[in-house]
Amino acid sequence: MLLGPLKLLAPALIPSWNFFDVIAPSPRVEYALLPTRGHVADDWREFRPKPTHAPIGTMLARLVWNPRWNQTLFVASCAERLAEDRTPQHSEDELFKRIAADLKREPLDEDRPWLCFRLVFVSRGDAGVEQEVLFQPYPRLLADIVTR
């Protein structure tokens, strides 16, 4: 009698880690602001780099409330889907929106109104750290990107 409900409740109480198809590093998201749409960027910046140090109090607070990290995980998920060519238009749009939302919190550089991002895969090779650009869309005007 109780065995039926326990079978239904067990997966919720004891999660399975078999949902990972492949364990591999996520591509990094880097962005650049450009003066013109056709400009070739040379000053790429990593989007939301991980902090090098966090105090213990901050880490404990983040266990309970950390919406920024949830958004960062969503960005990583979009980058992975874009690199695998799954939902490319949706993922590209979301990445532009998230980057633009962060940039709009800062004073706008009117000399560089075009936003571009790229996905970079970083690996260690014989020659040291190697970077491979997986994807780079056409730039968009930062002012035209609708953010929430």
N, C-alpha and C. Protein backbone atom coordinates (compact mmCIF):
# COMPACT_ATOMS: atom_id res chain seq x y z
N MET A 1 0.82 -1.19 0.00
CA MET A 1 0.00 0.00 0.00
C MET A 1 0.86 1.26 0.00
N LEU A 2 1.88 1.36 0.83
CA LEU A 2 2.75 2.53 0.90
C LEU A 2 3.85 2.50 -0.15
N LEU A 3 4.09 1.37 -0.78
CA LEU A 3 5.17 1.25 -1.74
C LEU A 3 4.95 2.13 -2.98
N GLY A 4 3.73 2.25 -3.45
CA GLY A 4 3.43 3.07 -4.63
C GLY A 4 3.79 4.54 -4.44
N PRO A 5 3.30 5.18 -3.38
CA PRO A 5 3.67 6.59 -3.17
C PRO A 5 5.16 6.79 -2.91
N LEU A 6 5.81 5.84 -2.25
CA LEU A 6 7.25 5.96 -2.01
C LEU A 6 8.04 5.92 -3.31
N LYS A 7 7.61 5.09 -4.26
CA LYS A 7 8.28 5.04 -5.56
C LYS A 7 8.17 6.37 -6.28
N LEU A 8 7.05 7.05 -6.13
CA LEU A 8 6.86 8.34 -6.76
C LEU A 8 7.64 9.45 -6.05
N LEU A 9 7.78 9.34 -4.75
CA LEU A 9 8.44 10.37 -3.95
C LEU A 9 9.97 10.21 -3.93
N ALA A 10 10.46 9.00 -4.10
CA ALA A 10 11.90 8.74 -4.01
C ALA A 10 12.74 9.59 -4.96
N PRO A 11 12.39 9.73 -6.25
CA PRO A 11 13.22 10.55 -7.13
C PRO A 11 13.29 12.02 -6.71
N ALA A 12 12.26 12.52 -6.05
CA ALA A 12 12.29 13.90 -5.59
C ALA A 12 13.19 14.07 -4.37
N LEU A 13 13.25 13.05 -3.53
CA LEU A 13 14.05 13.12 -2.31
C LEU A 13 15.51 12.75 -2.56
N ILE A 14 15.74 11.81 -3.45
CA ILE A 14 17.09 11.34 -3.74
C ILE A 14 17.34 11.56 -5.23
N PRO A 15 17.92 12.71 -5.61
CA PRO A 15 18.09 13.00 -7.04
C PRO A 15 19.13 12.10 -7.68
N SER A 16 18.97 11.90 -8.96
CA SER A 16 19.92 11.12 -9.75
C SER A 16 20.84 12.07 -10.49
N TRP A 17 22.09 11.72 -10.58
CA TRP A 17 23.05 12.56 -11.31
C TRP A 17 23.32 12.00 -12.70
N ASN A 18 22.46 11.15 -13.18
CA ASN A 18 22.64 10.55 -14.50
C ASN A 18 22.16 11.44 -15.63
N PHE A 19 21.75 12.67 -15.35
CA PHE A 19 21.23 13.54 -16.40
C PHE A 19 22.33 14.23 -17.19
N PHE A 20 23.59 14.11 -16.78
CA PHE A 20 24.69 14.71 -17.54
C PHE A 20 25.03 13.80 -18.72
N ASP A 21 24.92 14.33 -19.95
CA ASP A 21 25.32 13.56 -21.12
C ASP A 21 26.84 13.51 -21.21
N VAL A 22 27.45 14.68 -21.13
CA VAL A 22 28.88 14.81 -21.25
C VAL A 22 29.34 15.84 -20.23
N ILE A 23 30.44 15.58 -19.58
CA ILE A 23 31.00 16.56 -18.67
C ILE A 23 32.16 17.22 -19.39
N ALA A 24 31.99 18.49 -19.70
CA ALA A 24 33.00 19.25 -20.43
C ALA A 24 32.93 20.70 -19.98
N PRO A 25 34.01 21.44 -20.17
CA PRO A 25 33.98 22.85 -19.78
C PRO A 25 33.00 23.65 -20.63
N SER A 26 32.40 24.65 -20.02
CA SER A 26 31.50 25.55 -20.74
C SER A 26 32.32 26.57 -21.51
N PRO A 27 31.79 27.02 -22.64
CA PRO A 27 32.50 28.10 -23.34
C PRO A 27 32.41 29.40 -22.54
N ARG A 28 33.44 30.18 -22.60
CA ARG A 28 33.43 31.49 -21.95
C ARG A 28 32.70 32.47 -22.84
N VAL A 29 32.00 33.40 -22.21
CA VAL A 29 31.33 34.46 -22.93
C VAL A 29 32.18 35.72 -22.74
N GLU A 30 32.63 36.28 -23.85
CA GLU A 30 33.39 37.52 -23.83
C GLU A 30 32.64 38.55 -24.67
N TYR A 31 32.76 39.82 -24.30
CA TYR A 31 32.07 40.86 -25.05
C TYR A 31 33.02 42.01 -25.35
N ALA A 32 32.61 42.80 -26.33
CA ALA A 32 33.36 43.99 -26.69
C ALA A 32 32.38 45.06 -27.18
N LEU A 33 32.71 46.30 -26.91
CA LEU A 33 31.95 47.43 -27.43
C LEU A 33 32.75 48.01 -28.60
N LEU A 34 32.05 48.24 -29.72
CA LEU A 34 32.72 48.64 -30.95
C LEU A 34 32.25 50.02 -31.41
N PRO A 35 33.14 50.79 -32.08
CA PRO A 35 32.72 52.10 -32.59
C PRO A 35 31.82 51.99 -33.83
N THR A 36 32.03 50.96 -34.66
CA THR A 36 31.20 50.73 -35.84
C THR A 36 30.88 49.25 -35.94
N ARG A 37 29.85 48.93 -36.71
CA ARG A 37 29.43 47.53 -36.84
C ARG A 37 30.54 46.67 -37.47
N GLY A 38 31.31 47.22 -38.39
CA GLY A 38 32.33 46.45 -39.08
C GLY A 38 33.69 46.44 -38.40
N HIS A 39 33.80 47.10 -37.26
CA HIS A 39 35.07 47.19 -36.54
C HIS A 39 35.47 45.82 -35.98
N VAL A 40 36.75 45.51 -36.05
CA VAL A 40 37.27 44.27 -35.49
C VAL A 40 37.71 44.54 -34.06
N ALA A 41 37.13 43.82 -33.12
CA ALA A 41 37.42 44.05 -31.70
C ALA A 41 38.77 43.47 -31.32
N ASP A 42 39.47 44.18 -30.44
CA ASP A 42 40.72 43.67 -29.91
C ASP A 42 40.76 43.74 -28.38
N ASP A 43 39.72 44.30 -27.78
CA ASP A 43 39.68 44.43 -26.32
C ASP A 43 38.50 43.66 -25.73
N TRP A 44 38.54 42.34 -25.87
CA TRP A 44 37.47 41.49 -25.35
C TRP A 44 37.56 41.40 -23.84
N ARG A 45 36.40 41.43 -23.19
CA ARG A 45 36.31 41.29 -21.73
C ARG A 45 35.41 40.11 -21.38
N GLU A 46 35.81 39.36 -20.39
CA GLU A 46 34.99 38.23 -19.97
C GLU A 46 33.71 38.74 -19.31
N PHE A 47 32.59 38.14 -19.66
CA PHE A 47 31.32 38.52 -19.08
C PHE A 47 31.13 37.81 -17.75
N ARG A 48 30.92 38.57 -16.71
CA ARG A 48 30.73 38.08 -15.35
C ARG A 48 31.81 37.07 -14.93
N PRO A 49 33.05 37.52 -14.83
CA PRO A 49 34.11 36.61 -14.39
C PRO A 49 33.88 36.19 -12.93
N LYS A 50 34.31 35.00 -12.62
CA LYS A 50 34.14 34.52 -11.25
C LYS A 50 35.09 35.28 -10.33
N PRO A 51 34.62 35.62 -9.11
CA PRO A 51 35.50 36.35 -8.19
C PRO A 51 36.64 35.45 -7.72
N THR A 52 37.78 36.06 -7.46
CA THR A 52 38.92 35.29 -6.98
C THR A 52 38.79 34.92 -5.50
N HIS A 53 38.00 35.72 -4.76
CA HIS A 53 37.83 35.48 -3.33
C HIS A 53 36.45 35.96 -2.89
N ALA A 54 35.83 35.20 -2.01
CA ALA A 54 34.56 35.62 -1.41
C ALA A 54 34.62 35.33 0.08
N PRO A 55 34.29 36.33 0.92
CA PRO A 55 34.29 36.10 2.37
C PRO A 55 33.28 35.02 2.75
N ILE A 56 33.49 34.37 3.86
CA ILE A 56 32.64 33.28 4.32
C ILE A 56 31.19 33.74 4.52
N GLY A 57 31.02 34.95 5.02
CA GLY A 57 29.66 35.48 5.22
C GLY A 57 28.92 35.63 3.89
N THR A 58 29.63 36.09 2.89
CA THR A 58 29.03 36.23 1.55
C THR A 58 28.66 34.87 0.99
N MET A 59 29.55 33.89 1.17
CA MET A 59 29.25 32.54 0.66
C MET A 59 28.04 31.95 1.35
N LEU A 60 27.92 32.16 2.65
CA LEU A 60 26.76 31.63 3.38
C LEU A 60 25.47 32.31 2.94
N ALA A 61 25.55 33.63 2.74
CA ALA A 61 24.36 34.35 2.27
C ALA A 61 23.95 33.88 0.88
N ARG A 62 24.92 33.56 0.04
CA ARG A 62 24.62 33.10 -1.31
C ARG A 62 23.96 31.73 -1.34
N LEU A 63 24.12 30.97 -0.28
CA LEU A 63 23.43 29.68 -0.21
C LEU A 63 21.92 29.87 -0.16
N VAL A 64 21.48 30.99 0.38
CA VAL A 64 20.06 31.27 0.53
C VAL A 64 19.54 32.16 -0.60
N TRP A 65 20.31 33.18 -0.98
CA TRP A 65 19.82 34.15 -1.95
C TRP A 65 20.95 34.54 -2.90
N ASN A 66 20.83 34.15 -4.17
CA ASN A 66 21.86 34.48 -5.14
C ASN A 66 21.27 34.55 -6.55
N PRO A 67 20.38 35.51 -6.82
CA PRO A 67 19.76 35.58 -8.15
C PRO A 67 20.76 35.89 -9.27
N ARG A 68 21.81 36.64 -8.96
CA ARG A 68 22.81 36.95 -10.01
C ARG A 68 23.50 35.68 -10.48
N TRP A 69 23.82 34.77 -9.56
CA TRP A 69 24.47 33.52 -9.95
C TRP A 69 23.51 32.66 -10.77
N ASN A 70 22.23 32.67 -10.44
CA ASN A 70 21.25 31.94 -11.23
C ASN A 70 21.22 32.47 -12.67
N GLN A 71 21.29 33.79 -12.83
CA GLN A 71 21.34 34.37 -14.17
C GLN A 71 22.63 33.98 -14.88
N THR A 72 23.73 33.92 -14.14
CA THR A 72 25.01 33.53 -14.73
C THR A 72 24.96 32.08 -15.20
N LEU A 73 24.30 31.21 -14.44
CA LEU A 73 24.12 29.82 -14.87
C LEU A 73 23.26 29.75 -16.12
N PHE A 74 22.24 30.61 -16.22
CA PHE A 74 21.41 30.66 -17.42
C PHE A 74 22.23 31.11 -18.62
N VAL A 75 23.12 32.08 -18.44
CA VAL A 75 24.00 32.54 -19.51
C VAL A 75 24.89 31.39 -19.97
N ALA A 76 25.44 30.63 -19.02
CA ALA A 76 26.27 29.48 -19.39
C ALA A 76 25.48 28.44 -20.16
N SER A 77 24.24 28.22 -19.75
CA SER A 77 23.38 27.28 -20.46
C SER A 77 23.10 27.75 -21.88
N CYS A 78 22.83 29.04 -22.05
CA CYS A 78 22.61 29.59 -23.40
C CYS A 78 23.87 29.45 -24.25
N ALA A 79 25.03 29.70 -23.66
CA ALA A 79 26.29 29.59 -24.39
C ALA A 79 26.51 28.14 -24.84
N GLU A 80 26.22 27.19 -23.98
CA GLU A 80 26.38 25.78 -24.35
C GLU A 80 25.42 25.39 -25.47
N ARG A 81 24.17 25.84 -25.38
CA ARG A 81 23.20 25.52 -26.43
C ARG A 81 23.59 26.17 -27.75
N LEU A 82 24.12 27.37 -27.69
CA LEU A 82 24.55 28.07 -28.90
C LEU A 82 25.76 27.36 -29.53
N ALA A 83 26.70 26.92 -28.70
CA ALA A 83 27.87 26.20 -29.20
C ALA A 83 27.48 24.87 -29.85
N GLU A 84 26.41 24.26 -29.34
CA GLU A 84 25.94 22.98 -29.88
C GLU A 84 24.90 23.17 -30.98
N ASP A 85 24.61 24.43 -31.33
CA ASP A 85 23.63 24.80 -32.36
C ASP A 85 22.22 24.33 -32.01
N ARG A 86 21.89 24.32 -30.72
CA ARG A 86 20.52 24.06 -30.27
C ARG A 86 19.91 25.40 -29.89
N THR A 87 18.73 25.69 -30.34
CA THR A 87 18.03 26.97 -30.11
C THR A 87 18.96 28.18 -30.34
N PRO A 88 19.59 28.26 -31.52
CA PRO A 88 20.59 29.32 -31.72
C PRO A 88 20.04 30.74 -31.63
N GLN A 89 18.90 31.02 -32.23
CA GLN A 89 18.39 32.40 -32.21
C GLN A 89 17.98 32.82 -30.80
N HIS A 90 17.30 31.94 -30.09
CA HIS A 90 16.89 32.25 -28.71
C HIS A 90 18.11 32.48 -27.82
N SER A 91 19.09 31.60 -27.92
CA SER A 91 20.27 31.72 -27.07
C SER A 91 21.06 32.99 -27.39
N GLU A 92 21.19 33.30 -28.67
CA GLU A 92 21.90 34.52 -29.07
C GLU A 92 21.18 35.75 -28.53
N ASP A 93 19.86 35.80 -28.69
CA ASP A 93 19.07 36.94 -28.19
C ASP A 93 19.21 37.09 -26.68
N GLU A 94 19.13 35.98 -25.96
CA GLU A 94 19.24 36.04 -24.50
C GLU A 94 20.62 36.50 -24.05
N LEU A 95 21.67 36.06 -24.73
CA LEU A 95 23.01 36.50 -24.37
C LEU A 95 23.17 38.00 -24.62
N PHE A 96 22.68 38.48 -25.74
CA PHE A 96 22.72 39.92 -25.99
C PHE A 96 21.95 40.68 -24.89
N LYS A 97 20.77 40.18 -24.52
CA LYS A 97 19.97 40.86 -23.50
C LYS A 97 20.68 40.92 -22.15
N ARG A 98 21.27 39.80 -21.73
CA ARG A 98 21.93 39.75 -20.41
C ARG A 98 23.16 40.65 -20.37
N ILE A 99 23.95 40.63 -21.44
CA ILE A 99 25.14 41.47 -21.47
C ILE A 99 24.73 42.95 -21.50
N ALA A 100 23.75 43.27 -22.35
CA ALA A 100 23.29 44.66 -22.45
C ALA A 100 22.71 45.16 -21.12
N ALA A 101 21.98 44.30 -20.42
CA ALA A 101 21.40 44.71 -19.13
C ALA A 101 22.50 45.06 -18.14
N ASP A 102 23.58 44.28 -18.11
CA ASP A 102 24.69 44.60 -17.21
C ASP A 102 25.38 45.90 -17.63
N LEU A 103 25.55 46.08 -18.94
CA LEU A 103 26.25 47.28 -19.42
C LEU A 103 25.44 48.55 -19.24
N LYS A 104 24.12 48.44 -19.29
CA LYS A 104 23.27 49.62 -19.14
C LYS A 104 23.26 50.15 -17.71
N ARG A 105 23.80 49.39 -16.77
CA ARG A 105 23.92 49.87 -15.39
C ARG A 105 25.09 50.83 -15.24
N GLU A 106 25.99 50.80 -16.22
CA GLU A 106 27.17 51.65 -16.20
C GLU A 106 26.96 52.83 -17.16
N PRO A 107 27.75 53.88 -17.05
CA PRO A 107 27.63 54.99 -18.02
C PRO A 107 27.93 54.48 -19.43
N LEU A 108 27.10 54.87 -20.39
CA LEU A 108 27.22 54.41 -21.77
C LEU A 108 28.37 55.14 -22.46
N ASP A 109 29.23 54.37 -23.12
CA ASP A 109 30.31 54.93 -23.92
C ASP A 109 29.74 55.26 -25.30
N GLU A 110 29.46 56.53 -25.55
CA GLU A 110 28.81 56.94 -26.79
C GLU A 110 29.70 56.75 -28.02
N ASP A 111 31.00 56.60 -27.81
CA ASP A 111 31.91 56.36 -28.92
C ASP A 111 31.92 54.89 -29.35
N ARG A 112 31.35 54.03 -28.53
CA ARG A 112 31.32 52.59 -28.82
C ARG A 112 29.90 52.07 -28.60
N PRO A 113 28.98 52.35 -29.52
CA PRO A 113 27.58 51.96 -29.32
C PRO A 113 27.23 50.53 -29.75
N TRP A 114 28.14 49.84 -30.42
CA TRP A 114 27.85 48.49 -30.92
C TRP A 114 28.35 47.44 -29.94
N LEU A 115 27.50 46.45 -29.66
CA LEU A 115 27.84 45.36 -28.75
C LEU A 115 28.04 44.09 -29.54
N CYS A 116 29.11 43.40 -29.22
CA CYS A 116 29.37 42.10 -29.83
C CYS A 116 29.82 41.15 -28.72
N PHE A 117 29.51 39.89 -28.89
CA PHE A 117 30.04 38.89 -27.95
C PHE A 117 30.58 37.71 -28.75
N ARG A 118 31.34 36.88 -28.07
CA ARG A 118 31.83 35.66 -28.68
C ARG A 118 31.91 34.57 -27.63
N LEU A 119 31.87 33.35 -28.09
CA LEU A 119 32.04 32.19 -27.22
C LEU A 119 33.44 31.64 -27.46
N VAL A 120 34.18 31.49 -26.39
CA VAL A 120 35.57 31.05 -26.49
C VAL A 120 35.74 29.77 -25.68
N PHE A 121 36.35 28.78 -26.31
CA PHE A 121 36.68 27.55 -25.59
C PHE A 121 38.15 27.62 -25.22
N VAL A 122 38.45 27.49 -23.94
CA VAL A 122 39.82 27.57 -23.45
C VAL A 122 40.27 26.18 -23.06
N SER A 123 41.45 25.78 -23.54
CA SER A 123 41.99 24.46 -23.21
C SER A 123 43.50 24.58 -23.02
N ARG A 124 44.05 23.59 -22.37
CA ARG A 124 45.50 23.54 -22.18
C ARG A 124 46.08 22.59 -23.22
N GLY A 125 47.02 23.11 -23.98
CA GLY A 125 47.68 22.31 -25.01
C GLY A 125 49.16 22.23 -24.75
N ASP A 126 49.88 21.73 -25.73
CA ASP A 126 51.33 21.61 -25.60
C ASP A 126 52.01 22.97 -25.50
N ALA A 127 51.43 23.95 -26.17
CA ALA A 127 52.01 25.30 -26.17
C ALA A 127 51.47 26.17 -25.04
N GLY A 128 50.72 25.60 -24.12
CA GLY A 128 50.15 26.37 -23.02
C GLY A 128 48.65 26.49 -23.17
N VAL A 129 48.10 27.61 -22.71
CA VAL A 129 46.66 27.84 -22.78
C VAL A 129 46.30 28.27 -24.21
N GLU A 130 45.34 27.56 -24.79
CA GLU A 130 44.90 27.85 -26.15
C GLU A 130 43.44 28.27 -26.13
N GLN A 131 43.10 29.23 -26.99
CA GLN A 131 41.73 29.72 -27.10
C GLN A 131 41.22 29.47 -28.51
N GLU A 132 39.98 28.98 -28.59
CA GLU A 132 39.33 28.76 -29.87
C GLU A 132 37.98 29.47 -29.83
N VAL A 133 37.75 30.36 -30.79
CA VAL A 133 36.48 31.07 -30.87
C VAL A 133 35.46 30.15 -31.54
N LEU A 134 34.40 29.81 -30.80
CA LEU A 134 33.37 28.90 -31.30
C LEU A 134 32.28 29.62 -32.07
N PHE A 135 31.95 30.83 -31.65
CA PHE A 135 30.81 31.54 -32.23
C PHE A 135 30.98 33.02 -31.98
N GLN A 136 30.65 33.81 -33.00
CA GLN A 136 30.64 35.26 -32.84
C GLN A 136 29.57 35.83 -33.78
N PRO A 137 28.48 36.34 -33.21
CA PRO A 137 27.41 36.89 -34.07
C PRO A 137 27.76 38.30 -34.56
N TYR A 138 26.92 38.81 -35.46
CA TYR A 138 27.07 40.19 -35.90
C TYR A 138 26.76 41.12 -34.73
N PRO A 139 27.48 42.24 -34.64
CA PRO A 139 27.20 43.20 -33.56
C PRO A 139 25.80 43.80 -33.66
N ARG A 140 25.30 44.22 -32.51
CA ARG A 140 24.00 44.91 -32.45
C ARG A 140 24.19 46.23 -31.72
N LEU A 141 23.37 47.21 -32.09
CA LEU A 141 23.40 48.49 -31.38
C LEU A 141 22.92 48.26 -29.94
N LEU A 142 23.70 48.70 -29.00
CA LEU A 142 23.36 48.51 -27.59
C LEU A 142 22.03 49.19 -27.26
N ALA A 143 21.77 50.34 -27.83
CA ALA A 143 20.54 51.07 -27.55
C ALA A 143 19.30 50.34 -28.07
N ASP A 144 19.46 49.48 -29.08
CA ASP A 144 18.32 48.76 -29.68
C ASP A 144 17.98 47.47 -28.96
N ILE A 145 18.85 47.01 -28.07
CA ILE A 145 18.61 45.75 -27.38
C ILE A 145 17.65 45.98 -26.22
N VAL A 146 16.53 45.30 -26.26
CA VAL A 146 15.50 45.45 -25.23
C VAL A 146 15.88 44.59 -24.03
N THR A 147 16.00 45.24 -22.87
CA THR A 147 16.29 44.53 -21.63
C THR A 147 15.11 44.67 -20.70
N ARG A 148 15.02 43.78 -19.74
CA ARG A 148 13.91 43.82 -18.78
C ARG A 148 14.23 44.68 -17.60
